[in-house]
């Protein structure tokens, strides 16, 4: 049996189809947010007690009731279902059932508008912390593998054409630094949304001296979101910013996945993917399909879809609009899929099998031409003349070796001076 909406004043003629349409999948999505909603409710109760809106005994009863509800949610004995319009309704219903009039005091000084804002903000802070940690794990995996493959020669490609001798370590260092940037982006984004909207109510404040600063401190926010109007206007905007941070990391996952997709084909055969990351064909007994890597390439499409959804919802005037309810689903969907993809990357990098001989054999004599041109320029030949001379001498470079080429490339970041210690120091600092 459904509960009555919080906004029902006892005279509403409810149309079941209209209510179902308005609710959508909100109550299901709120299963991901309800513990954050409960946590914010506890802080709100403490704040109401500090301004004498709630007596100490009332606040204690509410906090205990909210704690019991949180335990019931964790244990699975309380589940948000079709009885409720959303998670906020469920919290108030639970407290009212157990505490009567005291339970019905929990909503004093707040609206479902700031209630959902703070729950989502807390969830996003956790999600961005998770994103940052997973990016650092990916960077660490790439660095560890780079540290053990410094001498593994690999052609460097431009335009998908063999260009110069390079190394597997250089490629992995490139991916590691990308993930370090992604971790920085996640941290910066978390700082932008690290503000408490609780106490802004429906967007215009309330006629109570709410202890917004104290509530923000209790919830671990670094500051309050001062303007109630901006609190409402920021809904969807800050979610979009968080998804964009996730998208940056997933673009780097896609690039790594593409490298592995190419290098694991028979045409390259530089690496072999672990069996745990491949599947078989239903008709071709000889096939092993790189399904995990291919699906990692596809993960950014989820964030791209989420960003499109969020952007389209933000063409609104100031204030709250029910359209904003639709911001939840794309954010939760994007982070769920994106973080799951990122979690697979470290083990994939650690367990790659390498064909070192085949990588080295792919370095043709012509690939040393750039080395030769630079050597001539260093000896005083104008570079454009050195360029032409090296082009004419390409077929005479067969006595050179990948090891010599890598060792000579001593500019910072080059194969002979990878700078892995700098990247490691940056990772440690970010940890």
Protein backbone atom coordinates (compact mmCIF):
# COMPACT_ATOMS: atom_id res chain seq x y z
CA UNK A 1 0.00 0.00 0.00
CA UNK A 2 1.43 3.38 -1.02
CA UNK A 3 2.05 6.16 1.49
CA UNK A 4 0.60 9.63 0.92
CA UNK A 5 2.98 12.21 -0.60
CA UNK A 6 4.67 14.63 1.80
CA UNK A 7 2.99 17.52 0.01
CA UNK A 8 -0.52 16.05 0.38
CA UNK A 9 -2.69 18.30 2.55
CA UNK A 10 -5.49 15.76 2.76
CA UNK A 11 -7.48 17.06 -0.17
CA UNK A 12 -5.41 15.96 -3.15
CA UNK A 13 -7.14 13.90 -5.80
CA UNK A 14 -4.25 11.69 -6.87
CA UNK A 15 -4.17 10.24 -10.35
CA UNK A 16 -2.21 6.99 -10.19
CA UNK A 17 -0.84 7.23 -13.72
CA UNK A 18 0.24 10.84 -13.26
CA UNK A 19 1.91 10.07 -9.93
CA UNK A 20 3.72 7.09 -11.40
CA UNK A 21 4.95 9.24 -14.27
CA UNK A 22 6.18 11.97 -11.91
CA UNK A 23 7.93 9.52 -9.60
CA UNK A 24 9.57 7.62 -12.44
CA UNK A 25 12.41 5.52 -11.07
CA UNK A 26 13.23 8.07 -8.38
CA UNK A 27 12.60 5.74 -5.46
CA UNK A 28 14.88 3.09 -6.98
CA UNK A 29 17.64 5.63 -7.61
CA UNK A 30 17.29 6.89 -4.06
CA UNK A 31 18.42 3.50 -2.80
CA UNK A 32 21.89 4.71 -3.74
CA UNK A 33 21.42 7.98 -1.87
CA UNK A 34 19.37 7.17 1.21
CA UNK A 35 22.30 6.59 3.57
CA UNK A 36 23.66 10.00 2.62
CA UNK A 37 20.17 11.46 3.11
CA UNK A 38 20.02 9.91 6.58
CA UNK A 39 23.47 11.23 7.46
CA UNK A 40 22.44 14.74 6.39
CA UNK A 41 19.20 14.39 8.36
CA UNK A 42 21.16 13.61 11.52
CA UNK A 43 23.29 16.73 11.04
CA UNK A 44 20.12 18.76 10.38
CA UNK A 45 18.57 17.50 13.62
CA UNK A 46 21.69 18.48 15.56
CA UNK A 47 21.51 21.93 13.97
CA UNK A 48 17.85 22.34 14.94
CA UNK A 49 18.72 21.40 18.50
CA UNK A 50 21.46 24.03 18.61
CA UNK A 51 18.95 26.77 17.76
CA UNK A 52 16.37 25.38 20.25
CA UNK A 53 13.84 24.30 17.61
CA UNK A 54 14.16 20.77 18.97
CA UNK A 55 14.48 19.82 22.62
CA UNK A 56 17.40 17.59 23.56
CA UNK A 57 15.11 14.58 24.09
CA UNK A 58 13.44 15.12 20.72
CA UNK A 59 16.77 15.41 18.94
CA UNK A 60 18.06 12.27 20.66
CA UNK A 61 14.96 10.33 19.64
CA UNK A 62 15.27 11.48 16.02
CA UNK A 63 18.97 10.71 15.81
CA UNK A 64 18.41 7.25 17.30
CA UNK A 65 15.56 6.63 14.87
CA UNK A 66 17.68 7.72 11.94
CA UNK A 67 20.48 5.45 13.13
CA UNK A 68 18.09 2.51 13.32
CA UNK A 69 16.87 3.26 9.81
CA UNK A 70 20.43 3.36 8.50
CA UNK A 71 21.15 -0.02 10.06
CA UNK A 72 17.95 -1.43 8.57
CA UNK A 73 18.94 -0.14 5.13
CA UNK A 74 22.41 -1.67 5.41
CA UNK A 75 20.96 -4.98 6.60
CA UNK A 76 18.40 -5.02 3.80
CA UNK A 77 15.45 -5.19 6.19
CA UNK A 78 14.23 -1.78 4.97
CA UNK A 79 14.00 -1.32 1.21
CA UNK A 80 12.77 1.67 -0.74
CA UNK A 81 9.91 0.43 -2.88
CA UNK A 82 6.69 1.54 -4.55
CA UNK A 83 5.17 2.49 -1.20
CA UNK A 84 7.20 5.69 -1.25
CA UNK A 85 7.43 8.65 -3.58
CA UNK A 86 11.17 8.97 -2.88
CA UNK A 87 13.81 8.41 -0.21
CA UNK A 88 12.94 11.63 1.62
CA UNK A 89 9.35 10.49 2.04
CA UNK A 90 10.54 7.14 3.35
CA UNK A 91 12.72 8.76 6.01
CA UNK A 92 9.92 10.94 7.32
CA UNK A 93 7.44 8.05 7.19
CA UNK A 94 9.79 5.79 9.15
CA UNK A 95 10.37 8.38 11.87
CA UNK A 96 6.68 9.30 12.10
CA UNK A 97 5.65 5.65 12.41
CA UNK A 98 8.03 5.16 15.32
CA UNK A 99 8.06 8.55 17.02
CA UNK A 100 4.71 10.10 16.15
CA UNK A 101 4.72 13.89 16.27
CA UNK A 102 8.42 14.02 17.06
CA UNK A 103 9.14 12.17 13.81
CA UNK A 104 7.12 14.72 11.89
CA UNK A 105 9.40 17.51 13.16
CA UNK A 106 12.42 16.30 11.17
CA UNK A 107 11.52 18.34 8.11
CA UNK A 108 11.47 21.68 9.95
CA UNK A 109 13.61 24.27 8.15
CA UNK A 110 14.35 22.23 5.06
CA UNK A 111 12.80 21.19 1.77
CA UNK A 112 13.15 18.09 -0.29
CA UNK A 113 15.03 20.44 -2.64
CA UNK A 114 17.99 20.97 -0.32
CA UNK A 115 17.60 17.45 1.03
CA UNK A 116 18.29 15.88 -2.36
CA UNK A 117 20.99 18.43 -3.10
CA UNK A 118 22.98 17.57 0.01
CA UNK A 119 22.51 13.80 -0.41
CA UNK A 120 23.71 13.99 -4.01
CA UNK A 121 26.58 16.28 -3.05
CA UNK A 122 27.75 13.81 -0.39
CA UNK A 123 27.43 10.93 -2.86
CA UNK A 124 29.44 12.82 -5.48
CA UNK A 125 32.19 13.60 -2.98
CA UNK A 126 32.55 9.89 -2.32
CA UNK A 127 32.36 9.07 -6.03
CA UNK A 128 35.06 11.60 -6.90
CA UNK A 129 37.28 10.29 -4.10
CA UNK A 130 36.79 6.82 -5.58
CA UNK A 131 37.56 8.16 -9.06
CA UNK A 132 40.74 9.81 -7.81
CA UNK A 133 41.88 6.63 -6.04
CA UNK A 134 41.23 4.47 -9.10
CA UNK A 135 43.10 6.87 -11.38
CA UNK A 136 46.06 6.67 -9.01
CA UNK A 137 45.84 2.87 -9.05
CA UNK A 138 45.93 2.95 -12.85
CA UNK A 139 48.90 5.31 -12.82
CA UNK A 140 50.70 3.12 -10.30
CA UNK A 141 50.13 -0.01 -12.40
CA UNK A 142 51.51 1.70 -15.51
CA UNK A 143 54.53 3.03 -13.62
CA UNK A 144 55.33 -0.33 -12.04
CA UNK A 145 55.23 -2.03 -15.43
CA UNK A 146 57.28 0.77 -16.98
CA UNK A 147 59.95 0.38 -14.31
CA UNK A 148 60.45 -3.27 -15.36
CA UNK A 149 60.33 -2.71 -19.13
CA UNK A 150 62.79 0.15 -19.63
CA UNK A 151 64.82 -1.88 -22.15
CA UNK A 152 61.88 -3.36 -24.06
CA UNK A 153 62.09 -1.73 -27.48
CA UNK A 154 58.88 -0.90 -29.31
CA UNK A 155 58.29 1.13 -32.48
CA UNK A 156 56.91 4.59 -31.89
CA UNK A 157 54.03 5.35 -34.23
CA UNK A 158 52.65 8.49 -35.81
CA UNK A 159 49.68 8.29 -38.18
CA UNK A 160 49.71 4.55 -37.31
CA UNK A 161 52.99 4.31 -39.26
CA UNK A 162 56.27 3.20 -37.73
CA UNK A 163 58.20 6.39 -36.96
CA UNK A 164 61.13 6.06 -34.50
CA UNK A 165 62.45 3.52 -32.01
CA UNK A 166 60.70 3.80 -28.67
CA UNK A 167 60.06 1.57 -25.69
CA UNK A 168 57.17 -0.05 -23.91
CA UNK A 169 58.17 1.85 -20.78
CA UNK A 170 57.84 5.15 -22.64
CA UNK A 171 54.32 4.21 -23.75
CA UNK A 172 53.34 3.16 -20.25
CA UNK A 173 54.82 6.32 -18.75
CA UNK A 174 52.59 8.30 -21.08
CA UNK A 175 49.52 6.50 -19.83
CA UNK A 176 50.67 6.88 -16.21
CA UNK A 177 51.03 10.66 -16.51
CA UNK A 178 47.58 10.87 -18.11
CA UNK A 179 46.02 9.09 -15.15
CA UNK A 180 47.88 11.40 -12.75
CA UNK A 181 46.29 14.37 -14.50
CA UNK A 182 42.92 12.64 -14.20
CA UNK A 183 43.43 12.22 -10.46
CA UNK A 184 44.23 15.94 -10.21
CA UNK A 185 41.07 16.74 -12.17
CA UNK A 186 38.97 14.60 -9.84
CA UNK A 187 40.48 16.36 -6.81
CA UNK A 188 39.88 19.83 -8.26
CA UNK A 189 36.31 18.94 -9.15
CA UNK A 190 35.67 17.64 -5.64
CA UNK A 191 36.92 20.97 -4.30
CA UNK A 192 34.47 22.88 -6.49
CA UNK A 193 31.44 20.98 -5.22
CA UNK A 194 32.66 20.75 -1.60
CA UNK A 195 29.94 23.08 -0.30
CA UNK A 196 26.87 22.33 1.78
CA UNK A 197 23.50 23.33 0.30
CA UNK A 198 21.59 22.14 3.38
CA UNK A 199 19.62 25.00 4.90
CA UNK A 200 18.79 26.70 1.62
CA UNK A 201 15.38 24.99 1.64
CA UNK A 202 13.44 25.42 -1.62
CA UNK A 203 15.80 28.13 -2.82
CA UNK A 204 14.88 31.14 -0.71
CA UNK A 205 16.04 30.34 2.83
CA UNK A 206 13.78 30.02 5.87
CA UNK A 207 12.75 32.26 8.78
CA UNK A 208 14.99 30.41 11.24
CA UNK A 209 18.59 31.17 12.30
CA UNK A 210 19.80 27.80 11.00
CA UNK A 211 23.31 26.81 12.02
CA UNK A 212 24.36 26.17 8.43
CA UNK A 213 28.08 26.42 9.18
CA UNK A 214 27.86 23.89 12.00
CA UNK A 215 25.86 21.46 9.88
CA UNK A 216 28.35 21.83 7.02
CA UNK A 217 31.26 21.06 9.38
CA UNK A 218 29.50 17.99 10.74
CA UNK A 219 28.99 16.68 7.21
CA UNK A 220 32.62 17.28 6.27
CA UNK A 221 32.06 20.15 3.83
CA UNK A 222 34.73 22.83 3.62
CA UNK A 223 32.17 25.63 3.25
CA UNK A 224 28.47 26.37 2.84
CA UNK A 225 26.83 27.19 -0.46
CA UNK A 226 25.71 30.65 0.54
CA UNK A 227 23.06 31.60 -2.01
CA UNK A 228 19.86 29.54 -1.83
CA UNK A 229 19.07 30.52 -5.41
CA UNK A 230 22.45 29.31 -6.64
CA UNK A 231 22.03 26.12 -4.62
CA UNK A 232 19.05 25.32 -6.83
CA UNK A 233 20.69 26.63 -10.00
CA UNK A 234 23.79 24.50 -9.34
CA UNK A 235 21.80 21.27 -9.45
CA UNK A 236 22.79 19.49 -12.60
CA UNK A 237 25.64 21.92 -13.24
CA UNK A 238 27.90 20.43 -10.57
CA UNK A 239 26.77 16.92 -11.49
CA UNK A 240 27.81 17.69 -15.06
CA UNK A 241 31.21 18.87 -13.82
CA UNK A 242 31.68 15.60 -11.92
CA UNK A 243 30.73 13.49 -14.94
CA UNK A 244 33.15 15.53 -17.06
CA UNK A 245 35.95 14.67 -14.62
CA UNK A 246 35.01 11.01 -14.94
CA UNK A 247 34.91 11.37 -18.72
CA UNK A 248 38.48 12.69 -18.79
CA UNK A 249 39.71 9.54 -17.08
CA UNK A 250 37.66 7.26 -19.30
CA UNK A 251 39.06 8.89 -22.44
CA UNK A 252 42.49 7.78 -21.23
CA UNK A 253 41.15 4.30 -20.53
CA UNK A 254 39.84 4.25 -24.10
CA UNK A 255 43.24 5.22 -25.52
CA UNK A 256 45.02 2.53 -23.49
CA UNK A 257 42.40 0.00 -24.54
CA UNK A 258 42.90 0.96 -28.18
CA UNK A 259 46.67 0.47 -27.88
CA UNK A 260 46.12 -2.98 -26.41
CA UNK A 261 43.51 -3.81 -29.04
CA UNK A 262 45.98 -3.04 -31.83
CA UNK A 263 49.05 -4.58 -30.24
CA UNK A 264 47.25 -7.84 -29.43
CA UNK A 265 46.14 -8.47 -33.04
CA UNK A 266 48.01 -11.08 -35.08
CA UNK A 267 49.23 -8.28 -37.35
CA UNK A 268 51.15 -6.72 -34.44
CA UNK A 269 51.30 -9.56 -31.87
CA UNK A 270 53.35 -7.46 -29.46
CA UNK A 271 51.25 -8.40 -26.44
CA UNK A 272 48.89 -11.14 -25.40
CA UNK A 273 45.90 -10.35 -23.25
CA UNK A 274 45.35 -12.58 -20.21
CA UNK A 275 42.70 -15.23 -20.77
CA UNK A 276 40.64 -13.78 -17.93
CA UNK A 277 40.12 -10.66 -20.06
CA UNK A 278 39.05 -12.47 -23.22
CA UNK A 279 36.18 -14.69 -24.34
CA UNK A 280 35.66 -17.28 -27.05
CA UNK A 281 33.62 -17.35 -30.22
CA UNK A 282 30.36 -19.27 -30.34
CA UNK A 283 31.20 -20.62 -33.82
CA UNK A 284 34.96 -20.29 -34.39
CA UNK A 285 36.98 -22.63 -32.13
CA UNK A 286 40.21 -20.79 -32.89
CA UNK A 287 39.11 -17.40 -31.59
CA UNK A 288 39.88 -15.50 -28.41
CA UNK A 289 38.05 -12.19 -28.39
CA UNK A 290 39.36 -9.14 -26.45
CA UNK A 291 35.91 -8.36 -25.08
CA UNK A 292 37.02 -6.58 -21.89
CA UNK A 293 39.35 -4.25 -23.79
CA UNK A 294 36.69 -3.54 -26.40
CA UNK A 295 34.10 -2.76 -23.75
CA UNK A 296 36.62 -0.48 -22.02
CA UNK A 297 36.76 1.42 -25.30
CA UNK A 298 32.99 1.79 -25.13
CA UNK A 299 32.75 3.04 -21.53
CA UNK A 300 33.21 6.74 -22.40
CA UNK A 301 30.00 6.56 -24.42
CA UNK A 302 28.11 6.22 -21.13
CA UNK A 303 29.59 9.46 -19.81
CA UNK A 304 29.02 11.17 -23.15
CA UNK A 305 25.36 10.20 -22.97
CA UNK A 306 25.14 11.42 -19.37
CA UNK A 307 26.73 14.75 -20.24
CA UNK A 308 24.26 15.21 -23.08
CA UNK A 309 21.33 14.45 -20.77
CA UNK A 310 22.57 16.82 -18.09
CA UNK A 311 23.34 19.64 -20.52
CA UNK A 312 19.90 19.43 -22.08
CA UNK A 313 18.28 19.71 -18.64
CA UNK A 314 20.06 22.93 -17.75
CA UNK A 315 18.19 25.19 -20.18
CA UNK A 316 15.97 26.47 -17.35
CA UNK A 317 15.31 29.79 -15.60
CA UNK A 318 16.42 30.28 -12.00
CA UNK A 319 14.78 28.26 -9.25
CA UNK A 320 13.74 24.67 -8.82
CA UNK A 321 11.94 22.82 -11.62
CA UNK A 322 10.82 19.20 -11.57
CA UNK A 323 12.92 18.60 -14.69
CA UNK A 324 15.93 18.54 -12.37
CA UNK A 325 14.79 15.21 -10.95
CA UNK A 326 16.09 13.72 -14.20
CA UNK A 327 19.68 14.62 -13.30
CA UNK A 328 20.03 11.67 -10.92
CA UNK A 329 19.87 8.74 -13.30
CA UNK A 330 22.60 9.74 -15.77
CA UNK A 331 25.04 10.61 -12.99
CA UNK A 332 24.55 7.37 -11.08
CA UNK A 333 24.66 5.33 -14.28
CA UNK A 334 27.84 7.01 -15.55
CA UNK A 335 29.80 6.63 -12.31
CA UNK A 336 28.68 3.04 -11.79
CA UNK A 337 29.87 1.95 -15.22
CA UNK A 338 32.90 4.22 -15.36
CA UNK A 339 34.35 3.26 -11.98
CA UNK A 340 33.82 -0.42 -12.76
CA UNK A 341 35.83 -0.01 -15.95
CA UNK A 342 38.66 1.85 -14.24
CA UNK A 343 38.87 -0.89 -11.60
CA UNK A 344 39.83 -3.44 -14.27
CA UNK A 345 42.80 -1.52 -15.67
CA UNK A 346 45.53 -2.18 -13.05
CA UNK A 347 45.30 -5.98 -13.20
CA UNK A 348 45.11 -5.84 -16.99
CA UNK A 349 48.35 -3.85 -17.16
CA UNK A 350 50.09 -6.11 -14.61
CA UNK A 351 49.22 -9.36 -16.39
CA UNK A 352 49.91 -8.46 -20.03
CA UNK A 353 52.21 -11.00 -21.71
CA UNK A 354 54.91 -9.45 -23.91
CA UNK A 355 56.62 -10.67 -27.11
CA UNK A 356 59.80 -8.69 -26.64
CA UNK A 357 61.55 -10.15 -29.68
CA UNK A 358 58.68 -9.31 -32.01
CA UNK A 359 58.57 -5.72 -30.75
CA UNK A 360 62.29 -5.26 -31.40
CA UNK A 361 62.05 -6.93 -34.82
CA UNK A 362 59.45 -4.38 -35.87
CA UNK A 363 62.06 -1.61 -35.65
CA UNK A 364 63.35 -1.31 -39.23
CA UNK A 365 66.62 0.47 -40.11
CA UNK A 366 64.65 3.40 -41.56
CA UNK A 367 63.38 4.20 -38.07
CA UNK A 368 66.89 5.40 -37.10
CA UNK A 369 66.76 8.24 -39.66
CA UNK A 370 65.63 10.82 -37.13
CA UNK A 371 68.45 9.83 -34.76
CA UNK A 372 70.91 10.27 -37.64
CA UNK A 373 69.54 13.71 -38.56
CA UNK A 374 69.89 14.93 -34.98
CA UNK A 375 73.43 13.55 -34.75
CA UNK A 376 74.41 15.47 -37.89
CA UNK A 377 72.80 18.64 -36.56
CA UNK A 378 74.66 18.23 -33.29
CA UNK A 379 77.88 18.04 -35.32
CA UNK A 380 77.10 21.42 -36.86
CA UNK A 381 75.17 20.55 -40.03
CA UNK A 382 72.12 22.82 -40.47
CA UNK A 383 69.14 20.71 -39.52
CA UNK A 384 67.36 20.93 -42.90
CA UNK A 385 70.54 19.72 -44.62
CA UNK A 386 70.94 17.02 -41.98
CA UNK A 387 67.35 15.98 -42.60
CA UNK A 388 68.01 15.45 -46.31
CA UNK A 389 71.30 13.66 -45.71
CA UNK A 390 69.68 11.29 -43.20
CA UNK A 391 66.93 10.54 -45.71
CA UNK A 392 69.54 9.61 -48.28
CA UNK A 393 71.39 7.38 -45.80
CA UNK A 394 68.36 5.50 -44.42
CA UNK A 395 69.32 2.18 -46.00
CA UNK A 396 72.80 2.39 -44.50
CA UNK A 397 71.54 2.40 -40.90
CA UNK A 398 71.04 -1.36 -40.54
CA UNK A 399 73.93 -1.79 -38.15
CA UNK A 400 72.26 0.32 -35.48
CA UNK A 401 70.37 -1.28 -32.62
CA UNK A 402 67.22 -0.35 -30.69
CA UNK A 403 69.20 -0.36 -27.43
CA UNK A 404 71.64 2.25 -28.73
CA UNK A 405 68.82 4.43 -30.00
CA UNK A 406 66.92 4.28 -26.70
CA UNK A 407 70.01 4.99 -24.61
CA UNK A 408 70.87 8.05 -26.72
CA UNK A 409 67.39 9.61 -26.39
CA UNK A 410 68.26 11.50 -23.19
CA UNK A 411 65.89 14.45 -23.36
CA UNK A 412 63.63 14.38 -20.29
CA UNK A 413 60.79 11.94 -20.90
CA UNK A 414 62.58 10.22 -23.76
CA UNK A 415 63.33 6.47 -23.62
CA UNK A 416 66.85 7.13 -22.26
CA UNK A 417 65.64 9.48 -19.53
CA UNK A 418 62.04 8.51 -18.80
CA UNK A 419 61.66 10.59 -15.66
CA UNK A 420 59.78 7.79 -13.92
CA UNK A 421 61.10 9.03 -10.59
CA UNK A 422 59.32 12.35 -11.14
CA UNK A 423 56.09 10.63 -12.01
CA UNK A 424 56.45 8.36 -8.97
CA UNK A 425 57.05 11.36 -6.71
CA UNK A 426 53.94 13.07 -8.08
CA UNK A 427 51.89 9.92 -7.53
CA UNK A 428 53.14 9.60 -3.96
CA UNK A 429 52.25 13.23 -3.29
CA UNK A 430 48.76 12.71 -4.67
CA UNK A 431 48.28 9.64 -2.49
